[in-house]
């Protein structure tokens, strides 16, 4: 595994609130399932412009979330200073995926084109971010240089139905999506 740098980081969680009076914090995990957060020991956060290792001496499931205790932080007021910080890992520390699977961070910034009403791809925009809706994830596609118009589109991430091809090398996601939506 390569050393952690701000350029190779992938955000996997966020510290959201304090928990109790002994320096514990609530952690919102972006992993699926959230318990996958426990698989990462090489975790970092950026505080006051400096990236540093987040050392949790204890983490556990709590209801539908996670709580953790940062090593050496034993006061609620000190723990409050960590609220809002993102927790990141080196990208090469992520598990390998099958060829037809992608991490969200790999899709952000890709161009999105449709063949819905044309023989040639029509550029709709680029992926700004993704939303988790419960039924399926959704690509938020925003205007970019050369896009059809300035509309924001929400394209369901349903491979085979709406998502026809994802090519990380060319940076293009081909979709079957009506440009009017």
N, C-alpha and C. Protein backbone atom coordinates (compact mmCIF):
# COMPACT_ATOMS: atom_id res chain seq x y z
N UNK A 1 0.85 -1.17 0.00
CA UNK A 1 0.00 0.00 0.00
C UNK A 1 0.90 1.24 0.00
N UNK A 2 0.52 2.23 -0.80
CA UNK A 2 1.29 3.47 -0.85
C UNK A 2 0.94 4.34 0.35
N UNK A 3 1.80 5.31 0.61
CA UNK A 3 1.55 6.23 1.73
C UNK A 3 0.35 7.11 1.42
N UNK A 4 -0.29 7.55 2.46
CA UNK A 4 -1.45 8.44 2.32
C UNK A 4 -1.00 9.82 1.85
N UNK A 5 -1.70 10.34 0.85
CA UNK A 5 -1.52 11.73 0.42
C UNK A 5 -2.91 12.32 0.20
N UNK A 6 -3.03 13.64 0.29
CA UNK A 6 -4.35 14.24 0.04
C UNK A 6 -4.88 13.93 -1.36
N UNK A 7 -3.98 13.68 -2.32
CA UNK A 7 -4.40 13.41 -3.70
C UNK A 7 -4.95 12.00 -3.88
N UNK A 8 -4.51 11.04 -3.07
CA UNK A 8 -4.97 9.66 -3.26
C UNK A 8 -6.01 9.25 -2.22
N UNK A 9 -6.62 10.22 -1.57
CA UNK A 9 -7.55 9.90 -0.49
C UNK A 9 -8.96 9.63 -1.02
N UNK A 10 -9.65 8.79 -0.29
CA UNK A 10 -11.05 8.51 -0.55
C UNK A 10 -11.77 8.64 0.78
N UNK A 11 -12.76 9.52 0.82
CA UNK A 11 -13.52 9.76 2.05
C UNK A 11 -14.45 8.58 2.28
N UNK A 12 -14.36 7.99 3.48
CA UNK A 12 -15.21 6.83 3.79
C UNK A 12 -16.19 7.12 4.92
N UNK A 13 -16.01 8.25 5.61
CA UNK A 13 -16.89 8.55 6.75
C UNK A 13 -16.71 10.01 7.15
N UNK A 14 -17.56 10.42 8.09
CA UNK A 14 -17.49 11.78 8.62
C UNK A 14 -17.84 11.74 10.10
N UNK A 15 -17.10 12.51 10.88
CA UNK A 15 -17.43 12.65 12.30
C UNK A 15 -18.55 13.67 12.39
N UNK A 16 -19.68 13.29 12.96
CA UNK A 16 -20.86 14.15 12.91
C UNK A 16 -21.20 14.85 14.22
N UNK A 17 -20.90 14.23 15.35
CA UNK A 17 -21.32 14.81 16.63
C UNK A 17 -20.54 14.16 17.77
N UNK A 18 -20.61 14.79 18.92
CA UNK A 18 -20.02 14.17 20.10
C UNK A 18 -21.00 13.15 20.65
N UNK A 19 -20.48 12.21 21.42
CA UNK A 19 -21.31 11.18 22.02
C UNK A 19 -20.86 11.02 23.47
N UNK A 20 -21.67 11.45 24.38
CA UNK A 20 -21.34 11.36 25.79
C UNK A 20 -20.37 12.45 26.22
N UNK A 21 -19.78 12.28 27.38
CA UNK A 21 -18.92 13.32 27.96
C UNK A 21 -17.45 12.90 28.04
N UNK A 22 -17.11 11.72 27.56
CA UNK A 22 -15.74 11.22 27.70
C UNK A 22 -14.94 11.24 26.39
N UNK A 23 -15.34 12.10 25.45
CA UNK A 23 -14.56 12.27 24.23
C UNK A 23 -14.94 11.36 23.07
N UNK A 24 -16.03 10.65 23.19
CA UNK A 24 -16.48 9.81 22.08
C UNK A 24 -17.16 10.66 21.02
N UNK A 25 -17.15 10.17 19.77
CA UNK A 25 -17.79 10.87 18.66
C UNK A 25 -18.68 9.92 17.88
N UNK A 26 -19.68 10.48 17.22
CA UNK A 26 -20.52 9.71 16.31
C UNK A 26 -19.87 9.78 14.93
N UNK A 27 -19.90 8.66 14.24
CA UNK A 27 -19.28 8.55 12.92
C UNK A 27 -20.33 8.11 11.92
N UNK A 28 -20.48 8.89 10.84
CA UNK A 28 -21.39 8.49 9.76
C UNK A 28 -20.54 7.82 8.69
N UNK A 29 -20.70 6.52 8.53
CA UNK A 29 -19.92 5.76 7.55
C UNK A 29 -20.60 5.81 6.18
N UNK A 30 -19.80 6.07 5.14
CA UNK A 30 -20.30 6.05 3.77
C UNK A 30 -20.10 4.68 3.13
N UNK A 31 -19.54 3.73 3.88
CA UNK A 31 -19.31 2.40 3.34
C UNK A 31 -20.64 1.64 3.29
N UNK A 32 -20.69 0.63 2.45
CA UNK A 32 -21.90 -0.18 2.33
C UNK A 32 -21.51 -1.65 2.44
N UNK A 33 -21.89 -2.31 3.51
CA UNK A 33 -22.65 -1.82 4.65
C UNK A 33 -21.77 -0.95 5.55
N UNK A 34 -22.41 -0.21 6.45
CA UNK A 34 -21.66 0.73 7.28
C UNK A 34 -20.62 0.02 8.14
N UNK A 35 -20.85 -1.22 8.45
CA UNK A 35 -19.89 -1.97 9.28
C UNK A 35 -18.55 -2.16 8.57
N UNK A 36 -18.48 -1.96 7.26
CA UNK A 36 -17.21 -2.06 6.55
C UNK A 36 -16.21 -1.02 7.04
N UNK A 37 -16.71 0.02 7.68
CA UNK A 37 -15.83 1.03 8.26
C UNK A 37 -14.80 0.39 9.19
N UNK A 38 -15.21 -0.64 9.90
CA UNK A 38 -14.33 -1.30 10.86
C UNK A 38 -13.15 -2.02 10.18
N UNK A 39 -13.23 -2.22 8.87
CA UNK A 39 -12.16 -2.91 8.13
C UNK A 39 -10.95 -2.02 7.87
N UNK A 40 -11.08 -0.71 8.14
CA UNK A 40 -10.00 0.23 7.82
C UNK A 40 -9.28 0.66 9.09
N UNK A 41 -7.98 0.45 9.10
CA UNK A 41 -7.19 0.90 10.25
C UNK A 41 -6.32 2.10 9.88
N UNK A 42 -6.08 2.30 8.60
CA UNK A 42 -5.24 3.39 8.10
C UNK A 42 -6.14 4.55 7.69
N UNK A 43 -6.67 5.30 8.69
CA UNK A 43 -7.67 6.35 8.47
C UNK A 43 -7.06 7.71 8.83
N UNK A 44 -7.41 8.73 8.05
CA UNK A 44 -6.85 10.07 8.24
C UNK A 44 -7.94 11.12 8.25
N UNK A 45 -7.63 12.27 8.86
CA UNK A 45 -8.52 13.44 8.82
C UNK A 45 -7.65 14.68 8.63
N UNK A 46 -8.30 15.75 8.17
CA UNK A 46 -7.59 17.01 7.97
C UNK A 46 -8.11 18.01 8.99
N UNK A 47 -7.21 18.46 9.86
CA UNK A 47 -7.58 19.44 10.88
C UNK A 47 -6.59 20.59 10.81
N UNK A 48 -7.11 21.81 10.75
CA UNK A 48 -6.29 23.01 10.64
C UNK A 48 -5.34 22.95 9.44
N UNK A 49 -5.84 22.37 8.33
CA UNK A 49 -5.06 22.30 7.10
C UNK A 49 -3.99 21.22 7.07
N UNK A 50 -3.94 20.38 8.09
CA UNK A 50 -2.91 19.34 8.14
C UNK A 50 -3.57 17.96 8.23
N UNK A 51 -3.17 17.07 7.32
CA UNK A 51 -3.67 15.70 7.36
C UNK A 51 -2.90 14.92 8.42
N UNK A 52 -3.65 14.18 9.21
CA UNK A 52 -3.04 13.38 10.25
C UNK A 52 -3.82 12.09 10.45
N UNK A 53 -3.14 11.12 11.00
CA UNK A 53 -3.76 9.81 11.21
C UNK A 53 -4.81 9.90 12.31
N UNK A 54 -5.96 9.30 12.07
CA UNK A 54 -7.03 9.23 13.07
C UNK A 54 -6.85 7.91 13.81
N UNK A 55 -6.48 8.00 15.04
CA UNK A 55 -6.27 6.79 15.83
C UNK A 55 -7.44 6.59 16.79
N UNK A 56 -8.28 5.64 16.46
CA UNK A 56 -9.40 5.28 17.32
C UNK A 56 -8.95 4.13 18.21
N UNK A 57 -9.02 4.32 19.52
CA UNK A 57 -8.66 3.20 20.39
C UNK A 57 -9.86 2.29 20.63
N UNK A 58 -11.03 2.77 20.22
CA UNK A 58 -12.23 1.92 20.31
C UNK A 58 -13.28 2.46 19.35
N UNK A 59 -13.93 1.57 18.63
CA UNK A 59 -15.06 1.89 17.76
C UNK A 59 -16.07 0.76 17.89
N UNK A 60 -17.35 1.12 17.80
CA UNK A 60 -18.37 0.10 17.90
C UNK A 60 -19.65 0.55 17.22
N UNK A 61 -20.45 -0.42 16.84
CA UNK A 61 -21.77 -0.11 16.29
C UNK A 61 -22.63 0.44 17.41
N UNK A 62 -23.47 1.39 17.04
CA UNK A 62 -24.39 1.98 18.02
C UNK A 62 -25.68 2.33 17.27
N UNK A 63 -26.73 1.54 17.49
CA UNK A 63 -27.97 1.74 16.75
C UNK A 63 -27.71 1.53 15.27
N UNK A 64 -28.06 2.53 14.46
CA UNK A 64 -27.83 2.45 13.02
C UNK A 64 -26.54 3.13 12.61
N UNK A 65 -25.70 3.48 13.58
CA UNK A 65 -24.47 4.18 13.28
C UNK A 65 -23.27 3.58 13.99
N UNK A 66 -22.25 4.41 14.12
CA UNK A 66 -20.98 4.00 14.73
C UNK A 66 -20.57 5.09 15.71
N UNK A 67 -20.00 4.69 16.82
CA UNK A 67 -19.37 5.63 17.74
C UNK A 67 -17.92 5.20 17.92
N UNK A 68 -17.07 6.19 18.15
CA UNK A 68 -15.66 5.88 18.31
C UNK A 68 -15.00 6.83 19.29
N UNK A 69 -13.90 6.36 19.85
CA UNK A 69 -13.13 7.17 20.78
C UNK A 69 -11.76 7.42 20.18
N UNK A 70 -11.45 8.69 19.91
CA UNK A 70 -10.13 9.06 19.40
C UNK A 70 -9.12 8.97 20.53
N UNK A 71 -8.03 8.29 20.26
CA UNK A 71 -6.98 8.08 21.25
C UNK A 71 -6.52 9.44 21.81
N UNK A 72 -6.51 9.55 23.13
CA UNK A 72 -6.03 10.77 23.79
C UNK A 72 -7.06 11.88 23.92
N UNK A 73 -8.25 11.67 23.40
CA UNK A 73 -9.32 12.68 23.51
C UNK A 73 -10.32 12.18 24.54
N UNK A 74 -10.28 12.79 25.73
CA UNK A 74 -11.13 12.30 26.82
C UNK A 74 -12.11 13.35 27.33
N UNK A 75 -12.32 14.39 26.55
CA UNK A 75 -13.19 15.49 26.97
C UNK A 75 -14.17 15.81 25.84
N UNK A 76 -15.42 16.01 26.21
CA UNK A 76 -16.47 16.31 25.24
C UNK A 76 -16.15 17.56 24.43
N UNK A 77 -15.64 18.60 25.09
CA UNK A 77 -15.35 19.85 24.38
C UNK A 77 -14.21 19.68 23.37
N UNK A 78 -13.22 18.89 23.71
CA UNK A 78 -12.13 18.61 22.77
C UNK A 78 -12.67 17.79 21.60
N UNK A 79 -13.49 16.79 21.89
CA UNK A 79 -14.08 15.95 20.85
C UNK A 79 -14.93 16.77 19.90
N UNK A 80 -15.59 17.80 20.41
CA UNK A 80 -16.43 18.67 19.56
C UNK A 80 -15.61 19.32 18.45
N UNK A 81 -14.33 19.53 18.69
CA UNK A 81 -13.45 20.11 17.68
C UNK A 81 -13.21 19.21 16.48
N UNK A 82 -13.60 17.94 16.58
CA UNK A 82 -13.43 17.00 15.47
C UNK A 82 -14.72 16.85 14.65
N UNK A 83 -15.81 17.40 15.15
CA UNK A 83 -17.09 17.27 14.45
C UNK A 83 -17.02 17.96 13.09
N UNK A 84 -17.55 17.29 12.08
CA UNK A 84 -17.53 17.82 10.73
C UNK A 84 -16.34 17.36 9.90
N UNK A 85 -15.36 16.74 10.55
CA UNK A 85 -14.17 16.28 9.81
C UNK A 85 -14.48 15.00 9.04
N UNK A 86 -13.97 14.95 7.80
CA UNK A 86 -14.09 13.75 6.99
C UNK A 86 -12.97 12.78 7.33
N UNK A 87 -13.27 11.50 7.27
CA UNK A 87 -12.30 10.45 7.50
C UNK A 87 -11.99 9.79 6.17
N UNK A 88 -10.71 9.72 5.82
CA UNK A 88 -10.30 9.23 4.51
C UNK A 88 -9.27 8.12 4.65
N UNK A 89 -9.18 7.32 3.59
CA UNK A 89 -8.18 6.26 3.49
C UNK A 89 -7.45 6.40 2.16
N UNK A 90 -6.26 5.81 2.05
CA UNK A 90 -5.58 5.80 0.74
C UNK A 90 -6.41 4.98 -0.25
N UNK A 91 -6.50 5.46 -1.48
CA UNK A 91 -7.32 4.79 -2.49
C UNK A 91 -6.92 3.34 -2.69
N UNK A 92 -5.64 3.05 -2.67
CA UNK A 92 -5.22 1.67 -2.91
C UNK A 92 -5.50 0.75 -1.71
N UNK A 93 -6.04 1.31 -0.64
CA UNK A 93 -6.45 0.51 0.51
C UNK A 93 -7.87 -0.02 0.39
N UNK A 94 -8.57 0.39 -0.67
CA UNK A 94 -9.94 -0.08 -0.88
C UNK A 94 -9.92 -1.49 -1.47
N UNK A 95 -10.91 -2.29 -1.14
CA UNK A 95 -10.98 -3.64 -1.71
C UNK A 95 -11.14 -3.60 -3.23
N UNK A 96 -10.56 -4.59 -3.89
CA UNK A 96 -10.72 -4.73 -5.34
C UNK A 96 -12.19 -5.03 -5.66
N UNK A 97 -12.66 -4.49 -6.77
CA UNK A 97 -14.03 -4.73 -7.21
C UNK A 97 -14.04 -5.58 -8.47
N UNK A 98 -15.18 -6.18 -8.76
CA UNK A 98 -15.35 -6.90 -10.02
C UNK A 98 -15.30 -5.89 -11.16
N UNK A 99 -15.07 -6.38 -12.38
CA UNK A 99 -14.92 -5.49 -13.54
C UNK A 99 -16.13 -4.61 -13.80
N UNK A 100 -17.31 -5.05 -13.39
CA UNK A 100 -18.52 -4.28 -13.65
C UNK A 100 -18.98 -3.47 -12.43
N UNK A 101 -18.10 -3.32 -11.43
CA UNK A 101 -18.42 -2.56 -10.23
C UNK A 101 -17.52 -1.34 -10.14
N UNK A 102 -18.05 -0.27 -9.52
CA UNK A 102 -17.30 0.98 -9.42
C UNK A 102 -17.56 1.63 -8.06
N UNK A 103 -16.54 2.30 -7.56
CA UNK A 103 -16.72 3.13 -6.38
C UNK A 103 -17.28 4.47 -6.83
N UNK A 104 -18.07 5.11 -5.97
CA UNK A 104 -18.65 6.40 -6.31
C UNK A 104 -17.60 7.41 -6.74
N UNK A 105 -16.48 7.46 -6.01
CA UNK A 105 -15.46 8.47 -6.33
C UNK A 105 -14.91 8.29 -7.75
N UNK A 106 -15.00 7.08 -8.32
CA UNK A 106 -14.53 6.85 -9.68
C UNK A 106 -15.48 7.45 -10.71
N UNK A 107 -16.74 7.62 -10.34
CA UNK A 107 -17.75 8.13 -11.28
C UNK A 107 -17.84 9.65 -11.30
N UNK A 108 -17.45 10.28 -10.20
CA UNK A 108 -17.54 11.74 -10.11
C UNK A 108 -16.58 12.36 -11.11
N UNK A 109 -17.11 13.30 -11.90
CA UNK A 109 -16.30 13.98 -12.91
C UNK A 109 -16.37 13.35 -14.29
N UNK A 110 -16.95 12.14 -14.41
CA UNK A 110 -17.07 11.51 -15.72
C UNK A 110 -18.14 12.23 -16.53
N UNK A 111 -17.93 12.29 -17.84
CA UNK A 111 -18.92 12.86 -18.76
C UNK A 111 -20.05 11.85 -18.91
N UNK A 112 -21.27 12.37 -19.12
CA UNK A 112 -22.44 11.51 -19.30
C UNK A 112 -23.06 11.84 -20.65
N UNK A 113 -23.16 10.82 -21.50
CA UNK A 113 -23.71 11.00 -22.85
C UNK A 113 -24.86 10.02 -23.05
N UNK A 114 -25.83 10.43 -23.88
CA UNK A 114 -26.98 9.58 -24.15
C UNK A 114 -27.12 9.32 -25.64
N UNK A 115 -27.64 8.16 -25.98
CA UNK A 115 -27.97 7.81 -27.36
C UNK A 115 -29.49 7.79 -27.53
N UNK A 116 -30.22 8.34 -26.56
CA UNK A 116 -31.67 8.23 -26.52
C UNK A 116 -32.35 8.67 -27.82
N UNK A 117 -31.98 9.82 -28.35
CA UNK A 117 -32.68 10.35 -29.52
C UNK A 117 -31.74 10.63 -30.69
N UNK A 118 -30.60 9.93 -30.73
CA UNK A 118 -29.63 10.22 -31.77
C UNK A 118 -28.75 9.00 -32.01
N UNK A 119 -28.19 8.92 -33.22
CA UNK A 119 -27.24 7.86 -33.52
C UNK A 119 -25.88 8.16 -32.92
N UNK A 120 -25.62 9.45 -32.70
CA UNK A 120 -24.37 9.89 -32.10
C UNK A 120 -24.64 10.27 -30.64
N UNK A 121 -23.71 10.00 -29.74
CA UNK A 121 -23.91 10.37 -28.34
C UNK A 121 -24.10 11.88 -28.17
N UNK A 122 -25.04 12.24 -27.30
CA UNK A 122 -25.31 13.64 -26.97
C UNK A 122 -24.83 13.85 -25.54
N UNK A 123 -23.92 14.82 -25.34
CA UNK A 123 -23.35 15.07 -24.02
C UNK A 123 -24.37 15.79 -23.13
N UNK A 124 -24.73 15.14 -22.02
CA UNK A 124 -25.69 15.72 -21.08
C UNK A 124 -24.99 16.56 -20.01
N UNK A 125 -23.75 16.23 -19.70
CA UNK A 125 -23.01 16.93 -18.65
C UNK A 125 -22.01 15.99 -18.02
N UNK A 126 -21.67 16.28 -16.75
CA UNK A 126 -20.75 15.42 -16.02
C UNK A 126 -21.30 15.13 -14.63
N UNK A 127 -20.86 14.02 -14.07
CA UNK A 127 -21.34 13.59 -12.76
C UNK A 127 -20.77 14.53 -11.70
N UNK A 128 -21.66 15.22 -11.01
CA UNK A 128 -21.28 16.13 -9.92
C UNK A 128 -21.10 15.34 -8.63
N UNK A 129 -22.08 14.50 -8.33
CA UNK A 129 -22.05 13.65 -7.15
C UNK A 129 -23.15 12.60 -7.30
N UNK A 130 -23.29 11.74 -6.33
CA UNK A 130 -24.31 10.71 -6.35
C UNK A 130 -25.18 10.84 -5.11
N UNK A 131 -26.40 10.38 -5.24
CA UNK A 131 -27.35 10.37 -4.13
C UNK A 131 -27.77 8.94 -3.85
N UNK A 132 -27.92 8.63 -2.59
CA UNK A 132 -28.44 7.33 -2.20
C UNK A 132 -29.91 7.52 -1.86
N UNK A 133 -30.79 6.84 -2.60
CA UNK A 133 -32.23 7.06 -2.41
C UNK A 133 -32.93 5.90 -1.73
N UNK A 134 -32.27 4.78 -1.61
CA UNK A 134 -32.92 3.61 -1.04
C UNK A 134 -33.25 2.61 -2.14
N UNK A 135 -34.00 3.04 -3.15
CA UNK A 135 -34.35 2.14 -4.25
C UNK A 135 -33.12 1.88 -5.11
N UNK A 136 -32.41 2.93 -5.47
CA UNK A 136 -31.17 2.84 -6.25
C UNK A 136 -30.41 4.14 -6.09
N UNK A 137 -29.14 4.10 -6.39
CA UNK A 137 -28.35 5.32 -6.36
C UNK A 137 -28.71 6.17 -7.57
N UNK A 138 -28.40 7.47 -7.51
CA UNK A 138 -28.74 8.40 -8.58
C UNK A 138 -27.52 9.25 -8.91
N UNK A 139 -27.20 9.34 -10.21
CA UNK A 139 -26.15 10.23 -10.68
C UNK A 139 -26.71 11.63 -10.79
N UNK A 140 -26.06 12.62 -10.21
CA UNK A 140 -26.44 14.01 -10.38
C UNK A 140 -25.54 14.55 -11.49
N UNK A 141 -26.15 14.86 -12.64
CA UNK A 141 -25.41 15.27 -13.83
C UNK A 141 -25.62 16.76 -14.04
N UNK A 142 -24.51 17.50 -14.05
CA UNK A 142 -24.57 18.96 -14.20
C UNK A 142 -23.87 19.40 -15.48
N UNK A 143 -24.21 20.57 -15.91
CA UNK A 143 -23.65 21.17 -17.11
C UNK A 143 -22.12 21.16 -17.07
N UNK A 144 -21.53 20.97 -18.24
CA UNK A 144 -20.08 21.08 -18.40
C UNK A 144 -19.82 21.64 -19.79
N UNK A 145 -18.59 21.93 -20.10
CA UNK A 145 -18.24 22.45 -21.42
C UNK A 145 -18.70 21.46 -22.49
N UNK A 146 -19.47 21.95 -23.45
CA UNK A 146 -19.95 21.12 -24.55
C UNK A 146 -21.24 20.38 -24.29
N UNK A 147 -21.81 20.52 -23.09
CA UNK A 147 -23.05 19.79 -22.81
C UNK A 147 -24.23 20.40 -23.55
N UNK A 148 -25.25 19.59 -23.72
CA UNK A 148 -26.45 19.93 -24.48
C UNK A 148 -27.09 21.23 -24.00
N UNK A 149 -27.20 21.42 -22.70
CA UNK A 149 -27.83 22.61 -22.14
C UNK A 149 -27.33 22.79 -20.70
N UNK A 150 -27.99 23.65 -19.94
CA UNK A 150 -27.54 23.90 -18.57
C UNK A 150 -28.40 23.21 -17.51
N UNK A 151 -29.21 22.22 -17.94
CA UNK A 151 -30.08 21.51 -17.01
C UNK A 151 -29.31 20.54 -16.11
N UNK A 152 -29.76 20.44 -14.87
CA UNK A 152 -29.26 19.39 -13.98
C UNK A 152 -30.18 18.20 -14.16
N UNK A 153 -29.59 17.02 -14.30
CA UNK A 153 -30.38 15.81 -14.50
C UNK A 153 -30.06 14.80 -13.39
N UNK A 154 -31.07 14.06 -13.01
CA UNK A 154 -30.92 12.98 -12.04
C UNK A 154 -31.14 11.68 -12.78
N UNK A 155 -30.07 10.92 -12.97
CA UNK A 155 -30.14 9.69 -13.74
C UNK A 155 -29.99 8.50 -12.79
N UNK A 156 -31.01 7.64 -12.73
CA UNK A 156 -30.91 6.48 -11.84
C UNK A 156 -29.73 5.59 -12.23
N UNK A 157 -28.96 5.20 -11.23
CA UNK A 157 -27.82 4.31 -11.49
C UNK A 157 -28.34 2.88 -11.48
N UNK A 158 -28.87 2.48 -12.64
CA UNK A 158 -29.40 1.13 -12.82
C UNK A 158 -28.71 0.54 -14.05
N UNK A 159 -27.58 -0.16 -13.82
CA UNK A 159 -26.86 -0.77 -14.95
C UNK A 159 -27.75 -1.70 -15.75
N UNK A 160 -27.60 -1.62 -17.08
CA UNK A 160 -28.40 -2.44 -17.97
C UNK A 160 -29.67 -1.74 -18.41
N UNK A 161 -30.30 -1.00 -17.52
CA UNK A 161 -31.52 -0.28 -17.88
C UNK A 161 -31.21 1.14 -18.32
N UNK A 162 -30.62 1.95 -17.46
CA UNK A 162 -30.29 3.32 -17.81
C UNK A 162 -28.80 3.51 -18.05
N UNK A 163 -27.98 2.79 -17.33
CA UNK A 163 -26.53 2.88 -17.47
C UNK A 163 -26.10 1.79 -18.45
N UNK A 164 -25.66 2.21 -19.63
CA UNK A 164 -25.32 1.25 -20.67
C UNK A 164 -23.84 0.88 -20.68
N UNK A 165 -22.96 1.85 -20.35
CA UNK A 165 -21.54 1.57 -20.35
C UNK A 165 -20.81 2.61 -19.51
N UNK A 166 -19.81 2.16 -18.78
CA UNK A 166 -18.94 3.06 -18.02
C UNK A 166 -17.52 2.77 -18.46
N UNK A 167 -16.87 3.79 -19.00
CA UNK A 167 -15.50 3.62 -19.47
C UNK A 167 -14.61 4.60 -18.71
N UNK A 168 -13.88 4.10 -17.72
CA UNK A 168 -13.02 4.96 -16.92
C UNK A 168 -11.86 5.51 -17.74
N UNK A 169 -11.40 4.76 -18.75
CA UNK A 169 -10.28 5.22 -19.57
C UNK A 169 -10.65 6.43 -20.41
N UNK A 170 -11.85 6.43 -21.01
CA UNK A 170 -12.28 7.58 -21.82
C UNK A 170 -12.99 8.63 -20.97
N UNK A 171 -13.39 8.24 -19.75
CA UNK A 171 -14.06 9.18 -18.86
C UNK A 171 -15.50 9.44 -19.24
N UNK A 172 -16.18 8.42 -19.83
CA UNK A 172 -17.55 8.61 -20.31
C UNK A 172 -18.47 7.51 -19.79
N UNK A 173 -19.64 7.94 -19.34
CA UNK A 173 -20.72 7.02 -19.00
C UNK A 173 -21.77 7.17 -20.09
N UNK A 174 -22.11 6.09 -20.76
CA UNK A 174 -23.14 6.09 -21.79
C UNK A 174 -24.45 5.65 -21.15
N UNK A 175 -25.49 6.47 -21.31
CA UNK A 175 -26.78 6.19 -20.68
C UNK A 175 -27.89 6.15 -21.72
N UNK A 176 -28.97 5.51 -21.37
CA UNK A 176 -30.20 5.54 -22.15
C UNK A 176 -31.15 6.43 -21.36
N UNK A 177 -31.10 7.73 -21.65
CA UNK A 177 -31.84 8.71 -20.86
C UNK A 177 -32.35 9.80 -21.76
N UNK A 178 -33.64 10.13 -21.66
CA UNK A 178 -34.26 11.19 -22.46
C UNK A 178 -33.68 12.54 -22.04
N UNK A 179 -33.07 13.29 -22.95
CA UNK A 179 -32.48 14.58 -22.62
C UNK A 179 -33.48 15.59 -22.08
N UNK A 180 -34.77 15.34 -22.28
CA UNK A 180 -35.79 16.27 -21.78
C UNK A 180 -36.00 16.13 -20.27
N UNK A 181 -35.52 15.05 -19.68
CA UNK A 181 -35.67 14.86 -18.23
C UNK A 181 -34.48 15.39 -17.49
